Amino acid sequence: MHKRTARISVLAAAAAALTFAVAGCGSDSEPDEAACKAAIAEEFKNVQAGKEASDDRPSDCEGIDDETGERLVQEVTQEEMKGLEDSLDTP
């Protein structure tokens, strides 16, 4: 498997795992999208490094509704894919 294909596969698997981790019940706490997005990005990097994805919603994502959580996962995934593409295009 080519290096690029392997990295993209890891990113896709991480995004899928994060979607399930972020989806869940909301809470009554005040949601903080920036903190949630940072927690998702951290989890994403952990998965990329070979750590197992957590099945639990990040504590910083409590109060974030499912639709917003899924949007944040998509944003993180797109940012990571962009970074990956840029790193592969750099000689």
N, C-alpha and C. Protein backbone atom coordinates (compact mmCIF):
# COMPACT_ATOMS: atom_id res chain seq x y z
N MET A 1 0.86 -1.17 0.00
CA MET A 1 0.00 0.00 0.00
C MET A 1 0.90 1.23 0.00
N HIS A 2 0.58 2.18 -0.84
CA HIS A 2 1.37 3.40 -0.92
C HIS A 2 1.18 4.21 0.36
N LYS A 3 2.21 5.01 0.65
CA LYS A 3 2.20 5.83 1.87
C LYS A 3 0.99 6.76 1.89
N ARG A 4 0.69 7.37 0.77
CA ARG A 4 -0.44 8.29 0.70
C ARG A 4 -1.76 7.56 0.96
N THR A 5 -1.93 6.41 0.35
CA THR A 5 -3.16 5.63 0.53
C THR A 5 -3.30 5.20 1.99
N ALA A 6 -2.20 4.79 2.60
CA ALA A 6 -2.25 4.37 3.99
C ALA A 6 -2.64 5.52 4.89
N ARG A 7 -2.08 6.68 4.67
CA ARG A 7 -2.42 7.85 5.49
C ARG A 7 -3.88 8.24 5.32
N ILE A 8 -4.36 8.22 4.11
CA ILE A 8 -5.76 8.56 3.86
C ILE A 8 -6.68 7.54 4.53
N SER A 9 -6.30 6.28 4.49
CA SER A 9 -7.10 5.25 5.16
C SER A 9 -7.15 5.49 6.66
N VAL A 10 -6.03 5.86 7.24
CA VAL A 10 -5.99 6.14 8.68
C VAL A 10 -6.87 7.34 8.99
N LEU A 11 -6.81 8.38 8.16
CA LEU A 11 -7.64 9.57 8.38
C LEU A 11 -9.12 9.23 8.28
N ALA A 12 -9.48 8.41 7.32
CA ALA A 12 -10.88 8.04 7.16
C ALA A 12 -11.37 7.24 8.36
N ALA A 13 -10.55 6.31 8.83
CA ALA A 13 -10.92 5.51 10.00
C ALA A 13 -11.04 6.39 11.23
N ALA A 14 -10.13 7.34 11.38
CA ALA A 14 -10.18 8.25 12.53
C ALA A 14 -11.43 9.10 12.49
N ALA A 15 -11.78 9.60 11.32
CA ALA A 15 -12.98 10.43 11.19
C ALA A 15 -14.22 9.63 11.54
N ALA A 16 -14.29 8.39 11.08
CA ALA A 16 -15.44 7.55 11.39
C ALA A 16 -15.54 7.29 12.88
N ALA A 17 -14.41 6.99 13.51
CA ALA A 17 -14.40 6.73 14.95
C ALA A 17 -14.81 7.97 15.73
N LEU A 18 -14.33 9.12 15.31
CA LEU A 18 -14.66 10.35 16.01
C LEU A 18 -16.13 10.72 15.85
N THR A 19 -16.71 10.41 14.71
CA THR A 19 -18.12 10.70 14.51
C THR A 19 -18.95 9.95 15.54
N PHE A 20 -18.62 8.70 15.78
CA PHE A 20 -19.35 7.92 16.78
C PHE A 20 -19.08 8.42 18.19
N ALA A 21 -17.85 8.86 18.46
CA ALA A 21 -17.51 9.34 19.81
C ALA A 21 -18.20 10.65 20.13
N VAL A 22 -18.35 11.52 19.14
CA VAL A 22 -18.95 12.82 19.40
C VAL A 22 -20.47 12.74 19.44
N ALA A 23 -21.05 11.83 18.65
CA ALA A 23 -22.50 11.69 18.66
C ALA A 23 -22.94 11.16 20.02
N GLY A 24 -23.98 11.71 20.54
CA GLY A 24 -24.46 11.25 21.84
C GLY A 24 -25.37 12.28 22.45
N CYS A 25 -25.71 12.05 23.68
CA CYS A 25 -26.63 12.93 24.37
C CYS A 25 -25.95 14.24 24.72
N GLY A 26 -26.66 15.32 24.60
CA GLY A 26 -26.16 16.61 25.03
C GLY A 26 -26.36 16.77 26.52
N SER A 27 -25.84 17.84 27.08
CA SER A 27 -26.03 18.09 28.50
C SER A 27 -26.51 19.51 28.68
N ASP A 28 -26.70 19.91 29.94
CA ASP A 28 -27.21 21.24 30.22
C ASP A 28 -26.09 22.28 30.32
N SER A 29 -24.82 21.85 30.23
CA SER A 29 -23.72 22.80 30.34
C SER A 29 -23.64 23.67 29.08
N GLU A 30 -23.02 24.83 29.24
CA GLU A 30 -22.87 25.76 28.12
C GLU A 30 -21.87 25.18 27.12
N PRO A 31 -22.28 24.96 25.88
CA PRO A 31 -21.37 24.35 24.90
C PRO A 31 -20.26 25.32 24.48
N ASP A 32 -19.08 24.79 24.26
CA ASP A 32 -17.93 25.56 23.80
C ASP A 32 -17.38 24.88 22.55
N GLU A 33 -17.79 25.38 21.39
CA GLU A 33 -17.41 24.74 20.13
C GLU A 33 -15.91 24.71 19.92
N ALA A 34 -15.21 25.79 20.29
CA ALA A 34 -13.76 25.84 20.09
C ALA A 34 -13.06 24.77 20.92
N ALA A 35 -13.48 24.62 22.17
CA ALA A 35 -12.89 23.60 23.05
C ALA A 35 -13.21 22.21 22.53
N CYS A 36 -14.42 22.01 22.05
CA CYS A 36 -14.82 20.72 21.51
C CYS A 36 -13.99 20.40 20.27
N LYS A 37 -13.84 21.36 19.39
CA LYS A 37 -13.07 21.14 18.16
C LYS A 37 -11.62 20.81 18.50
N ALA A 38 -11.05 21.48 19.50
CA ALA A 38 -9.68 21.20 19.92
C ALA A 38 -9.57 19.78 20.47
N ALA A 39 -10.58 19.36 21.23
CA ALA A 39 -10.59 17.99 21.78
C ALA A 39 -10.70 16.96 20.66
N ILE A 40 -11.51 17.25 19.66
CA ILE A 40 -11.66 16.34 18.52
C ILE A 40 -10.33 16.25 17.77
N ALA A 41 -9.68 17.40 17.56
CA ALA A 41 -8.39 17.41 16.85
C ALA A 41 -7.35 16.61 17.63
N GLU A 42 -7.36 16.72 18.96
CA GLU A 42 -6.42 15.96 19.79
C GLU A 42 -6.69 14.46 19.67
N GLU A 43 -7.96 14.09 19.72
CA GLU A 43 -8.34 12.67 19.57
C GLU A 43 -7.93 12.17 18.18
N PHE A 44 -8.13 12.99 17.19
CA PHE A 44 -7.77 12.65 15.82
C PHE A 44 -6.28 12.37 15.73
N LYS A 45 -5.45 13.23 16.34
CA LYS A 45 -4.00 13.04 16.32
C LYS A 45 -3.60 11.77 17.07
N ASN A 46 -4.29 11.48 18.15
CA ASN A 46 -4.01 10.25 18.89
C ASN A 46 -4.29 9.03 18.03
N VAL A 47 -5.39 9.05 17.28
CA VAL A 47 -5.74 7.93 16.41
C VAL A 47 -4.71 7.81 15.28
N GLN A 48 -4.29 8.94 14.75
CA GLN A 48 -3.27 8.92 13.70
C GLN A 48 -1.97 8.31 14.22
N ALA A 49 -1.68 8.53 15.51
CA ALA A 49 -0.45 8.01 16.11
C ALA A 49 -0.58 6.53 16.47
N GLY A 50 -1.75 5.95 16.20
CA GLY A 50 -1.93 4.53 16.43
C GLY A 50 -2.65 4.17 17.71
N LYS A 51 -3.08 5.17 18.46
CA LYS A 51 -3.84 4.89 19.68
C LYS A 51 -5.29 4.57 19.31
N GLU A 52 -5.92 3.79 20.14
CA GLU A 52 -7.31 3.41 19.89
C GLU A 52 -8.24 4.60 20.18
N ALA A 53 -9.22 4.79 19.33
CA ALA A 53 -10.18 5.88 19.52
C ALA A 53 -11.06 5.59 20.72
N SER A 54 -11.36 6.64 21.44
CA SER A 54 -12.24 6.51 22.60
C SER A 54 -13.68 6.38 22.13
N ASP A 55 -14.45 5.59 22.86
CA ASP A 55 -15.88 5.48 22.55
C ASP A 55 -16.67 6.56 23.27
N ASP A 56 -16.02 7.28 24.16
CA ASP A 56 -16.69 8.30 24.96
C ASP A 56 -16.59 9.66 24.28
N ARG A 57 -17.61 10.44 24.48
CA ARG A 57 -17.62 11.81 23.98
C ARG A 57 -16.60 12.61 24.78
N PRO A 58 -15.75 13.41 24.11
CA PRO A 58 -14.81 14.24 24.86
C PRO A 58 -15.57 15.16 25.83
N SER A 59 -15.03 15.32 27.02
CA SER A 59 -15.72 16.13 28.03
C SER A 59 -15.92 17.56 27.54
N ASP A 60 -15.01 18.06 26.70
CA ASP A 60 -15.16 19.41 26.16
C ASP A 60 -16.30 19.53 25.16
N CYS A 61 -16.86 18.39 24.75
CA CYS A 61 -17.97 18.40 23.78
C CYS A 61 -19.33 18.24 24.46
N GLU A 62 -19.35 18.15 25.78
CA GLU A 62 -20.63 18.06 26.49
C GLU A 62 -21.44 19.32 26.19
N GLY A 63 -22.69 19.13 25.88
CA GLY A 63 -23.57 20.25 25.57
C GLY A 63 -23.63 20.58 24.09
N ILE A 64 -22.73 20.00 23.30
CA ILE A 64 -22.73 20.21 21.85
C ILE A 64 -23.73 19.24 21.25
N ASP A 65 -24.66 19.76 20.46
CA ASP A 65 -25.65 18.86 19.86
C ASP A 65 -24.99 18.02 18.77
N ASP A 66 -25.65 16.94 18.40
CA ASP A 66 -25.09 15.97 17.45
C ASP A 66 -24.74 16.61 16.11
N GLU A 67 -25.61 17.45 15.60
CA GLU A 67 -25.36 18.08 14.29
C GLU A 67 -24.10 18.93 14.34
N THR A 68 -23.95 19.72 15.40
CA THR A 68 -22.76 20.55 15.54
C THR A 68 -21.52 19.68 15.73
N GLY A 69 -21.64 18.61 16.52
CA GLY A 69 -20.52 17.70 16.73
C GLY A 69 -20.06 17.08 15.43
N GLU A 70 -20.99 16.66 14.62
CA GLU A 70 -20.64 16.07 13.33
C GLU A 70 -19.97 17.11 12.42
N ARG A 71 -20.46 18.35 12.47
CA ARG A 71 -19.84 19.42 11.67
C ARG A 71 -18.40 19.65 12.13
N LEU A 72 -18.18 19.66 13.44
CA LEU A 72 -16.83 19.87 13.97
C LEU A 72 -15.89 18.73 13.55
N VAL A 73 -16.39 17.49 13.58
CA VAL A 73 -15.58 16.35 13.13
C VAL A 73 -15.23 16.53 11.65
N GLN A 74 -16.20 16.96 10.84
CA GLN A 74 -15.93 17.18 9.42
C GLN A 74 -14.89 18.28 9.22
N GLU A 75 -14.98 19.36 9.99
CA GLU A 75 -14.01 20.45 9.88
C GLU A 75 -12.60 19.97 10.22
N VAL A 76 -12.48 19.23 11.32
CA VAL A 76 -11.17 18.71 11.72
C VAL A 76 -10.64 17.77 10.65
N THR A 77 -11.50 16.89 10.13
CA THR A 77 -11.08 15.95 9.10
C THR A 77 -10.60 16.69 7.85
N GLN A 78 -11.34 17.70 7.42
CA GLN A 78 -10.94 18.47 6.25
C GLN A 78 -9.61 19.19 6.47
N GLU A 79 -9.42 19.75 7.66
CA GLU A 79 -8.17 20.43 7.96
C GLU A 79 -7.00 19.45 7.96
N GLU A 80 -7.22 18.27 8.52
CA GLU A 80 -6.16 17.26 8.55
C GLU A 80 -5.86 16.76 7.15
N MET A 81 -6.89 16.55 6.32
CA MET A 81 -6.68 16.12 4.94
C MET A 81 -5.90 17.18 4.16
N LYS A 82 -6.24 18.43 4.37
CA LYS A 82 -5.53 19.53 3.69
C LYS A 82 -4.06 19.52 4.10
N GLY A 83 -3.81 19.36 5.40
CA GLY A 83 -2.43 19.29 5.87
C GLY A 83 -1.69 18.11 5.28
N LEU A 84 -2.36 16.98 5.17
CA LEU A 84 -1.76 15.79 4.58
C LEU A 84 -1.44 16.01 3.11
N GLU A 85 -2.39 16.57 2.38
CA GLU A 85 -2.15 16.84 0.97
C GLU A 85 -0.99 17.81 0.78
N ASP A 86 -0.92 18.84 1.61
CA ASP A 86 0.16 19.81 1.51
C ASP A 86 1.50 19.16 1.81
N SER A 87 1.53 18.27 2.81
CA SER A 87 2.80 17.60 3.16
C SER A 87 3.25 16.65 2.06
N LEU A 88 2.31 16.02 1.39
CA LEU A 88 2.67 15.10 0.31
C LEU A 88 3.10 15.83 -0.96
N ASP A 89 2.59 17.06 -1.13
CA ASP A 89 2.95 17.85 -2.31
C ASP A 89 4.27 18.56 -2.16
N THR A 90 4.76 18.69 -0.93
CA THR A 90 6.02 19.38 -0.68
C THR A 90 7.16 18.43 -0.96
N PRO A 91 8.12 18.89 -1.81
CA PRO A 91 9.26 18.00 -2.14
C PRO A 91 10.16 17.76 -0.96
